[in-house]
């Protein structure tokens, strides 16, 4: 008996598959194909392509696509080792979630759907080319490395959207940038130290949720330290991925009389201007052992770098109401000895604005004595005026739901941009079920939405 997509999702969740750690889940997919006698290809990057012939002898070929990696975020106090521990899944009414961690519905649901379709001997479909890419969450590295020459299909259904009833038909381009701050002076031991932990912020996806006004924990803490006159910083660490808005950040600083009270008062003042969703922000202050600290000059330079970096929404679209056009997210900060590293995700649907934003970031970094390196540059996915695939999805949706489907663009990057850059004639759409609070430990998948979306996907394949 064929397995359901939920069966496959649970099996995938038991395999560690954070970005950069995808060999095991890639091997799982390759083994799946081998056990069923399906032709497959597994490349050196761990991307997997699986082929299945049409059920009715059709010459039509459709590409189904999703990514194998997930963003790994856990709630403070959890002790999950994402490199070797599986997720602990639970249901609560209509929702599927993981205990204290991200669920990996982004994009495990795409993989689970595709495996269930490949496993079925009753569904009607055209020739299928199922493409599972890796490391999408850290710059779409798998899609960039993938050789598309074995693919014959000219239509691609990407299942990496998180809003049922919305069909994505274009997306922003982007690039990742890493800043490296190096101390100009030798570190020396600090006096008494204070550990400052800011947490309780909701975070979220830096593309899909950058417009929600969520506060960035790294920036908030850096501004608190700067405003309260912290003279020497030992370390600052926060965030989980450059494309996730940080929910928490920890700094160890040289203490001073009244510093703890000033920090708490500064946060209270800052929260008065925060949205209701951000009111969970809280500081935990504890004495810390004496450590080596940056000099006063280096500390001031580092805080100036963090506090002044471009961040958040830079420009809104003039053509699409409510659509973010250009943004930047400071996603991670990490102290390594005499260096502090920060990771940033830049996005824009306008190439010139993306380049200008990168130039502004580089100039700010240089002014503070930091170096910039970039990677994972990917193009925007542009809207096609004529699309047989889009028309088919819209027709199937209206027949199933009794109402029109919404067509929209998204500020988050999608692999469709890279695929279309390599295969310009490719006809793409992106769809998916309702998944809430992705890239956070509150991520949850609506089971009823997942079922309806799977039914829609199957009807589209049958129609094609």
Protein backbone atom coordinates (compact mmCIF):
# COMPACT_ATOMS: atom_id res chain seq x y z
CA UNK A 1 0.00 0.00 0.00
CA UNK A 2 1.36 3.40 -0.99
CA UNK A 3 2.31 5.76 1.80
CA UNK A 4 0.62 9.13 2.34
CA UNK A 5 2.45 12.42 2.18
CA UNK A 6 2.13 12.69 5.97
CA UNK A 7 3.84 9.31 6.33
CA UNK A 8 6.71 10.62 4.24
CA UNK A 9 6.80 13.92 6.12
CA UNK A 10 7.22 12.09 9.41
CA UNK A 11 10.04 9.99 7.99
CA UNK A 12 11.77 13.10 6.66
CA UNK A 13 11.40 14.84 10.03
CA UNK A 14 13.27 11.99 11.69
CA UNK A 15 16.32 12.70 9.50
CA UNK A 16 18.52 15.69 10.47
CA UNK A 17 18.43 17.99 7.44
CA UNK A 18 19.47 21.49 8.34
CA UNK A 19 21.13 23.57 5.64
CA UNK A 20 24.63 22.25 4.99
CA UNK A 21 23.72 18.87 6.47
CA UNK A 22 21.72 17.26 3.66
CA UNK A 23 23.63 14.08 2.75
CA UNK A 24 21.39 11.80 4.84
CA UNK A 25 18.11 13.16 3.50
CA UNK A 26 19.51 13.17 -0.04
CA UNK A 27 20.46 9.51 0.38
CA UNK A 28 16.96 8.79 1.66
CA UNK A 29 15.44 10.18 -1.53
CA UNK A 30 17.90 8.32 -3.73
CA UNK A 31 17.14 5.08 -1.86
CA UNK A 32 13.41 5.75 -2.28
CA UNK A 33 13.85 5.91 -6.07
CA UNK A 34 16.13 2.88 -6.21
CA UNK A 35 13.73 0.72 -4.18
CA UNK A 36 10.91 1.54 -6.61
CA UNK A 37 12.90 1.07 -9.77
CA UNK A 38 12.70 4.75 -10.71
CA UNK A 39 15.48 6.41 -12.66
CA UNK A 40 17.29 8.95 -10.51
CA UNK A 41 20.34 11.17 -10.37
CA UNK A 42 22.16 12.30 -7.22
CA UNK A 43 24.83 14.92 -7.85
CA UNK A 44 27.88 15.92 -5.81
CA UNK A 45 25.96 18.77 -4.16
CA UNK A 46 23.34 16.24 -2.88
CA UNK A 47 20.62 17.44 -5.26
CA UNK A 48 18.35 14.60 -6.39
CA UNK A 49 16.31 14.21 -9.59
CA UNK A 50 13.77 11.36 -9.89
CA UNK A 51 11.94 10.48 -13.11
CA UNK A 52 8.59 8.71 -13.48
CA UNK A 53 6.81 8.00 -16.76
CA UNK A 54 3.34 9.34 -17.52
CA UNK A 55 0.43 7.13 -16.52
CA UNK A 56 -1.32 7.43 -19.91
CA UNK A 57 1.52 7.60 -22.40
CA UNK A 58 1.41 11.40 -22.59
CA UNK A 59 4.34 13.27 -24.13
CA UNK A 60 3.91 16.14 -21.64
CA UNK A 61 6.59 16.53 -18.97
CA UNK A 62 6.21 18.51 -15.74
CA UNK A 63 8.89 19.33 -13.18
CA UNK A 64 7.93 19.15 -9.48
CA UNK A 65 10.41 20.97 -7.28
CA UNK A 66 11.15 21.62 -3.62
CA UNK A 67 14.20 21.82 -1.36
CA UNK A 68 15.52 19.29 1.14
CA UNK A 69 17.06 21.60 3.75
CA UNK A 70 15.36 23.41 6.61
CA UNK A 71 16.16 26.34 8.90
CA UNK A 72 17.08 25.01 12.33
CA UNK A 73 15.82 27.20 15.18
CA UNK A 74 15.00 26.06 18.70
CA UNK A 75 13.41 27.68 21.69
CA UNK A 76 15.71 28.96 24.41
CA UNK A 77 16.25 26.18 26.91
CA UNK A 78 15.86 23.39 24.36
CA UNK A 79 18.84 21.13 23.82
CA UNK A 80 18.36 19.72 20.33
CA UNK A 81 21.43 18.79 18.30
CA UNK A 82 20.15 19.44 14.78
CA UNK A 83 23.11 17.56 13.28
CA UNK A 84 22.01 14.23 14.72
CA UNK A 85 18.56 14.57 16.36
CA UNK A 86 15.27 14.18 14.56
CA UNK A 87 12.31 16.47 15.17
CA UNK A 88 9.65 15.65 17.76
CA UNK A 89 6.33 16.09 15.97
CA UNK A 90 3.00 16.83 17.64
CA UNK A 91 -0.50 17.75 16.55
CA UNK A 92 -2.88 20.18 18.21
CA UNK A 93 -6.23 20.29 16.50
CA UNK A 94 -5.56 21.25 12.89
CA UNK A 95 -1.88 21.99 13.38
CA UNK A 96 1.24 19.89 13.04
CA UNK A 97 4.32 21.30 14.80
CA UNK A 98 7.65 20.25 16.30
CA UNK A 99 8.37 20.40 20.01
CA UNK A 100 10.35 23.59 20.67
CA UNK A 101 11.88 23.77 17.19
CA UNK A 102 11.16 24.69 13.62
CA UNK A 103 8.98 22.11 11.84
CA UNK A 104 10.71 22.05 8.48
CA UNK A 105 7.39 22.39 6.67
CA UNK A 106 9.46 24.82 4.63
CA UNK A 107 10.11 22.82 2.54
CA UNK A 108 9.52 19.30 3.78
CA UNK A 109 5.92 19.40 2.64
CA UNK A 110 7.05 19.74 -0.99
CA UNK A 111 9.30 16.70 -0.66
CA UNK A 112 6.57 14.70 1.08
CA UNK A 113 3.99 15.61 -1.60
CA UNK A 114 6.34 14.61 -4.41
CA UNK A 115 7.33 11.30 -2.79
CA UNK A 116 3.66 10.41 -2.26
CA UNK A 117 2.89 11.18 -5.92
CA UNK A 118 5.85 9.10 -7.07
CA UNK A 119 4.81 6.26 -4.75
CA UNK A 120 1.21 6.17 -5.96
CA UNK A 121 0.03 3.71 -8.58
CA UNK A 122 -3.43 5.28 -8.90
CA UNK A 123 -2.80 9.00 -9.54
CA UNK A 124 -2.92 10.15 -13.16
CA UNK A 125 -0.05 12.41 -14.20
CA UNK A 126 2.20 13.37 -17.13
CA UNK A 127 5.88 12.46 -17.25
CA UNK A 128 7.39 13.69 -13.99
CA UNK A 129 10.80 15.09 -13.27
CA UNK A 130 10.97 15.55 -9.51
CA UNK A 131 13.80 17.85 -8.45
CA UNK A 132 14.94 18.07 -4.83
CA UNK A 133 17.56 20.77 -4.26
CA UNK A 134 19.71 21.46 -1.20
CA UNK A 135 20.84 24.48 0.80
CA UNK A 136 18.05 26.72 -0.45
CA UNK A 137 17.91 28.47 2.90
CA UNK A 138 21.54 29.62 2.77
CA UNK A 139 21.60 31.05 -0.73
CA UNK A 140 19.90 28.52 -3.05
CA UNK A 141 23.26 26.84 -3.44
CA UNK A 142 21.85 23.53 -4.65
CA UNK A 143 19.77 25.11 -7.41
CA UNK A 144 22.77 27.18 -8.47
CA UNK A 145 24.93 24.04 -8.72
CA UNK A 146 22.31 21.87 -10.44
CA UNK A 147 22.84 20.87 -14.08
CA UNK A 148 19.45 21.29 -15.79
CA UNK A 149 20.48 19.60 -19.05
CA UNK A 150 18.92 16.22 -18.06
CA UNK A 151 15.51 17.92 -17.64
CA UNK A 152 13.10 17.94 -20.59
CA UNK A 153 10.12 19.61 -18.92
CA UNK A 154 9.16 23.17 -19.81
CA UNK A 155 6.74 23.62 -16.89
CA UNK A 156 7.82 23.72 -13.25
CA UNK A 157 5.63 23.61 -10.14
CA UNK A 158 7.58 24.85 -7.13
CA UNK A 159 5.94 23.88 -3.83
CA UNK A 160 7.66 26.40 -1.57
CA UNK A 161 4.86 28.84 -0.80
CA UNK A 162 3.17 29.07 2.58
CA UNK A 163 -0.25 30.55 1.81
CA UNK A 164 -3.09 28.42 0.49
CA UNK A 165 -5.10 30.06 -2.25
CA UNK A 166 -2.23 32.25 -3.41
CA UNK A 167 -0.31 31.49 -6.59
CA UNK A 168 3.12 33.06 -6.81
CA UNK A 169 4.21 34.07 -10.29
CA UNK A 170 7.34 36.16 -9.62
CA UNK A 171 9.85 36.84 -6.83
CA UNK A 172 12.72 39.05 -5.80
CA UNK A 173 16.36 38.39 -6.54
CA UNK A 174 18.92 38.46 -3.79
CA UNK A 175 22.46 38.03 -2.53
CA UNK A 176 24.04 37.04 0.79
CA UNK A 177 26.71 39.20 2.40
CA UNK A 178 29.06 38.37 5.28
CA UNK A 179 30.79 41.15 7.24
CA UNK A 180 34.00 40.51 9.16
CA UNK A 181 34.98 42.94 11.90
CA UNK A 182 38.50 42.55 13.24
CA UNK A 183 39.91 44.16 16.37
CA UNK A 184 42.50 46.85 15.73
CA UNK A 185 43.92 46.47 19.22
CA UNK A 186 44.81 43.40 21.25
CA UNK A 187 42.13 42.14 23.60
CA UNK A 188 42.85 42.41 27.31
CA UNK A 189 41.07 41.04 30.35
CA UNK A 190 37.99 42.97 31.39
CA UNK A 191 37.00 43.77 34.93
CA UNK A 192 33.78 42.23 36.26
CA UNK A 193 31.51 41.11 33.41
CA UNK A 194 27.78 40.98 32.82
CA UNK A 195 25.94 38.54 30.57
CA UNK A 196 23.06 40.29 28.80
CA UNK A 197 20.45 38.12 27.07
CA UNK A 198 17.65 39.63 24.99
CA UNK A 199 14.96 37.18 23.91
CA UNK A 200 11.20 36.83 23.47
CA UNK A 201 10.94 38.42 20.03
CA UNK A 202 8.87 36.58 17.38
CA UNK A 203 11.37 36.70 14.51
CA UNK A 204 10.29 35.25 11.18
CA UNK A 205 11.27 34.84 7.55
CA UNK A 206 13.25 37.84 6.35
CA UNK A 207 11.49 37.79 2.98
CA UNK A 208 7.92 36.70 3.60
CA UNK A 209 7.63 38.47 6.97
CA UNK A 210 9.93 41.47 6.64
CA UNK A 211 6.80 43.64 6.29
CA UNK A 212 5.39 42.55 9.66
CA UNK A 213 7.50 45.03 11.59
CA UNK A 214 9.21 42.41 13.74
CA UNK A 215 12.12 43.75 15.75
CA UNK A 216 15.61 42.39 15.13
CA UNK A 217 17.09 41.10 18.41
CA UNK A 218 20.69 41.76 17.34
CA UNK A 219 19.96 45.37 16.44
CA UNK A 220 17.84 45.98 19.52
CA UNK A 221 20.54 44.67 21.85
CA UNK A 222 23.34 46.54 20.06
CA UNK A 223 21.42 49.80 20.38
CA UNK A 224 20.73 49.15 24.07
CA UNK A 225 24.43 48.56 24.71
CA UNK A 226 25.40 51.67 22.78
CA UNK A 227 22.80 53.92 24.42
CA UNK A 228 23.74 52.74 27.90
CA UNK A 229 27.41 53.55 27.42
CA UNK A 230 28.90 50.06 27.45
CA UNK A 231 32.61 50.71 27.19
CA UNK A 232 34.02 47.23 26.52
CA UNK A 233 32.32 44.33 24.77
CA UNK A 234 33.61 40.78 25.25
CA UNK A 235 31.31 39.01 22.79
CA UNK A 236 27.98 39.24 21.00
CA UNK A 237 26.16 36.27 19.47
CA UNK A 238 22.66 35.92 18.07
CA UNK A 239 20.43 34.82 15.23
CA UNK A 240 20.23 31.45 13.50
CA UNK A 241 20.36 32.18 9.75
CA UNK A 242 20.94 35.24 7.61
CA UNK A 243 17.44 34.95 6.14
CA UNK A 244 15.69 34.69 9.51
CA UNK A 245 14.91 37.72 11.70
CA UNK A 246 16.77 37.06 14.98
CA UNK A 247 14.60 36.26 18.01
CA UNK A 248 17.38 36.49 20.60
CA UNK A 249 20.89 37.80 21.14
CA UNK A 250 23.46 37.46 23.92
CA UNK A 251 26.31 39.80 24.80
CA UNK A 252 28.98 39.67 27.51
CA UNK A 253 30.18 43.13 28.50
CA UNK A 254 32.40 44.76 31.07
CA UNK A 255 30.04 45.88 33.80
CA UNK A 256 29.79 49.29 35.40
CA UNK A 257 27.84 50.76 38.33
CA UNK A 258 24.13 51.00 37.48
CA UNK A 259 24.55 49.37 34.05
CA UNK A 260 21.97 46.63 34.68
CA UNK A 261 19.33 49.17 35.72
CA UNK A 262 20.12 51.40 32.74
CA UNK A 263 19.74 48.50 30.34
CA UNK A 264 16.36 47.47 31.76
CA UNK A 265 15.15 51.08 31.64
CA UNK A 266 16.38 51.46 28.05
CA UNK A 267 14.50 48.34 26.98
CA UNK A 268 11.31 49.53 28.65
CA UNK A 269 11.60 52.83 26.79
CA UNK A 270 12.27 51.04 23.50
CA UNK A 271 9.31 48.68 23.97
CA UNK A 272 6.98 51.65 24.26
CA UNK A 273 7.52 52.13 20.52
CA UNK A 274 7.35 48.42 19.65
CA UNK A 275 4.30 46.81 18.08
CA UNK A 276 2.09 44.57 20.24
CA UNK A 277 3.67 41.48 18.67
CA UNK A 278 7.07 42.52 20.06
CA UNK A 279 6.08 43.08 23.69
CA UNK A 280 7.49 39.73 24.78
CA UNK A 281 11.02 41.12 24.51
CA UNK A 282 12.85 40.73 27.81
CA UNK A 283 16.36 41.08 29.23
CA UNK A 284 18.05 38.55 31.48
CA UNK A 285 21.13 39.90 33.26
CA UNK A 286 23.62 37.72 35.15
CA UNK A 287 27.17 38.18 36.42
CA UNK A 288 29.76 36.51 34.18
CA UNK A 289 33.33 35.43 34.66
CA UNK A 290 36.01 37.91 33.66
CA UNK A 291 36.87 37.59 29.97
CA UNK A 292 39.07 39.20 27.37
CA UNK A 293 37.27 42.19 25.89
CA UNK A 294 37.58 44.48 22.90
CA UNK A 295 39.17 47.85 23.65
CA UNK A 296 36.96 50.88 24.16
CA UNK A 297 37.82 52.11 20.65
CA UNK A 298 37.07 48.72 19.04
CA UNK A 299 33.87 48.36 21.06
CA UNK A 300 32.64 51.77 19.89
CA UNK A 301 33.53 50.88 16.31
CA UNK A 302 31.75 47.51 16.52
CA UNK A 303 28.58 48.97 18.03
CA UNK A 304 28.61 51.70 15.38
CA UNK A 305 28.82 48.97 12.74
CA UNK A 306 25.88 47.02 14.17
CA UNK A 307 23.66 49.98 15.02
CA UNK A 308 24.13 51.75 11.70
CA UNK A 309 23.84 48.87 9.27
CA UNK A 310 21.00 49.22 6.70
CA UNK A 311 18.23 46.86 7.78
CA UNK A 312 14.57 46.09 7.22
CA UNK A 313 12.43 47.52 4.43
CA UNK A 314 14.41 49.81 2.13
CA UNK A 315 11.77 50.40 -0.58
CA UNK A 316 8.17 49.40 -1.37
CA UNK A 317 6.92 48.53 -4.85
CA UNK A 318 5.17 51.30 -6.75
CA UNK A 319 3.49 48.75 -9.05
CA UNK A 320 2.20 46.16 -6.56
CA UNK A 321 0.47 47.66 -3.49
CA UNK A 322 1.84 46.28 -0.23
CA UNK A 323 4.77 44.44 -1.84
CA UNK A 324 8.23 45.01 -0.40
CA UNK A 325 10.58 45.83 -3.26
CA UNK A 326 13.98 46.02 -1.52
CA UNK A 327 15.12 44.92 1.93
CA UNK A 328 18.09 43.82 4.01
CA UNK A 329 18.17 41.53 7.03
CA UNK A 330 20.96 41.25 9.60
CA UNK A 331 20.38 37.60 10.48
CA UNK A 332 23.39 36.45 12.47
CA UNK A 333 26.21 37.78 14.61
CA UNK A 334 28.99 35.59 15.99
CA UNK A 335 32.14 36.35 17.95
CA UNK A 336 35.22 34.33 17.10
CA UNK A 337 38.21 35.44 19.15
CA UNK A 338 39.25 38.88 17.93
CA UNK A 339 36.66 38.90 15.13
CA UNK A 340 32.91 39.43 14.91
CA UNK A 341 31.08 37.99 11.91
CA UNK A 342 27.65 39.09 10.70
CA UNK A 343 25.43 37.52 8.03
CA UNK A 344 23.01 39.50 5.89
CA UNK A 345 20.33 38.68 3.30
CA UNK A 346 19.70 41.35 0.65
CA UNK A 347 16.62 41.15 -1.58
CA UNK A 348 15.15 43.23 -4.37
CA UNK A 349 12.96 42.79 -7.42
CA UNK A 350 14.93 45.66 -9.02
CA UNK A 351 18.50 44.76 -9.92
CA UNK A 352 19.81 48.32 -9.65
CA UNK A 353 18.39 48.68 -6.13
CA UNK A 354 19.99 45.41 -5.04
CA UNK A 355 23.37 46.63 -6.27
CA UNK A 356 22.91 50.01 -4.59
CA UNK A 357 21.98 48.39 -1.29
CA UNK A 358 25.06 46.18 -1.44
CA UNK A 359 27.15 49.27 -2.18
CA UNK A 360 25.64 51.08 0.83
CA UNK A 361 26.31 48.09 3.08
CA UNK A 362 29.89 47.85 1.84
CA UNK A 363 30.49 51.57 2.42
CA UNK A 364 29.14 51.39 5.97
CA UNK A 365 31.26 48.33 6.71
CA UNK A 366 34.39 50.03 5.36
CA UNK A 367 33.74 53.12 7.49
CA UNK A 368 33.70 50.88 10.56
CA UNK A 369 36.74 48.87 9.50
CA UNK A 370 34.89 45.71 8.44
CA UNK A 371 35.34 43.63 5.27
CA UNK A 372 32.48 42.33 3.08
CA UNK A 373 32.25 39.08 1.10
CA UNK A 374 29.23 38.01 -0.96
CA UNK A 375 27.85 34.70 -2.19
CA UNK A 376 24.62 33.10 -3.37
CA UNK A 377 23.67 35.86 -5.83
CA UNK A 378 20.44 34.88 -7.60
CA UNK A 379 18.24 36.63 -10.16
CA UNK A 380 14.65 37.78 -9.80
CA UNK A 381 11.90 35.58 -11.27
CA UNK A 382 9.98 37.77 -13.69
CA UNK A 383 6.25 37.51 -14.43
CA UNK A 384 5.26 35.86 -17.74
CA UNK A 385 2.34 37.37 -19.64
CA UNK A 386 1.34 34.01 -21.15
CA UNK A 387 1.45 30.86 -19.05
CA UNK A 388 -0.34 27.60 -19.79
CA UNK A 389 0.70 26.28 -16.38
CA UNK A 390 -0.70 29.30 -14.54
CA UNK A 391 -3.98 29.05 -16.45
CA UNK A 392 -4.27 25.34 -15.61
CA UNK A 393 -3.67 25.89 -11.89
CA UNK A 394 -6.20 28.75 -11.78
CA UNK A 395 -8.82 26.65 -13.57
CA UNK A 396 -8.30 23.64 -11.27
CA UNK A 397 -8.37 25.84 -8.17
CA UNK A 398 -11.66 27.51 -9.09
CA UNK A 399 -13.22 24.13 -9.84
CA UNK A 400 -12.13 22.74 -6.44
CA UNK A 401 -12.73 25.80 -4.26
CA UNK A 402 -15.56 27.56 -6.09
CA UNK A 403 -13.72 30.89 -6.09
CA UNK A 404 -10.77 32.49 -7.94
CA UNK A 405 -7.20 31.96 -6.81
CA UNK A 406 -5.13 35.01 -5.92
CA UNK A 407 -2.13 35.75 -8.14
CA UNK A 408 0.70 37.63 -6.50
CA UNK A 409 4.43 38.22 -6.24
CA UNK A 410 6.63 37.61 -3.21
CA UNK A 411 9.58 39.47 -1.77
CA UNK A 412 11.25 36.26 -0.60
CA UNK A 413 13.59 34.57 -3.05
CA UNK A 414 12.48 31.37 -4.74
CA UNK A 415 14.46 28.86 -6.73
CA UNK A 416 12.23 29.60 -9.73
CA UNK A 417 14.50 32.59 -10.39
CA UNK A 418 17.57 30.40 -10.71
CA UNK A 419 15.76 27.79 -12.81
CA UNK A 420 14.42 30.47 -15.17
CA UNK A 421 17.86 32.06 -15.35
CA UNK A 422 19.23 28.75 -16.64
CA UNK A 423 16.15 27.88 -18.73
CA UNK A 424 14.52 31.18 -19.81
CA UNK A 425 11.56 29.52 -21.55
CA UNK A 426 10.55 27.67 -18.38
CA UNK A 427 6.95 28.25 -17.30
CA UNK A 428 6.86 28.35 -13.47
CA UNK A 429 4.39 28.77 -10.62
CA UNK A 430 4.81 28.40 -6.88
CA UNK A 431 2.12 27.18 -4.48
CA UNK A 432 1.74 25.52 -1.10
CA UNK A 433 -0.43 25.02 2.01
CA UNK A 434 -0.79 27.32 4.98
CA UNK A 435 2.36 27.23 7.10
CA UNK A 436 2.62 29.80 9.87
CA UNK A 437 5.65 31.38 11.57
CA UNK A 438 8.22 29.67 9.37
CA UNK A 439 11.87 29.94 10.44
CA UNK A 440 10.76 30.15 14.08
CA UNK A 441 10.12 27.55 16.79
CA UNK A 442 6.40 28.39 16.50
CA UNK A 443 6.25 27.07 12.93
CA UNK A 444 3.10 25.01 12.31
CA UNK A 445 1.40 23.41 9.32
CA UNK A 446 -2.37 23.41 8.84
CA UNK A 447 -3.28 19.78 8.18
CA UNK A 448 -6.58 20.61 6.49
CA UNK A 449 -4.84 23.12 4.23
CA UNK A 450 -2.15 20.56 3.41
CA UNK A 451 -4.80 18.06 2.36
CA UNK A 452 -6.63 20.54 0.12
CA UNK A 453 -3.37 21.70 -1.46
CA UNK A 454 -2.29 18.12 -2.17
CA UNK A 455 -5.63 17.49 -3.85
CA UNK A 456 -5.14 20.62 -5.96
CA UNK A 457 -1.62 19.60 -6.96
CA UNK A 458 -2.84 16.16 -8.03
CA UNK A 459 -5.71 17.67 -10.06
CA UNK A 460 -3.30 20.01 -11.84
CA UNK A 461 -1.04 17.10 -12.78
CA UNK A 462 -4.05 15.16 -14.04
CA UNK A 463 -5.19 18.15 -16.10
CA UNK A 464 -1.74 18.50 -17.65
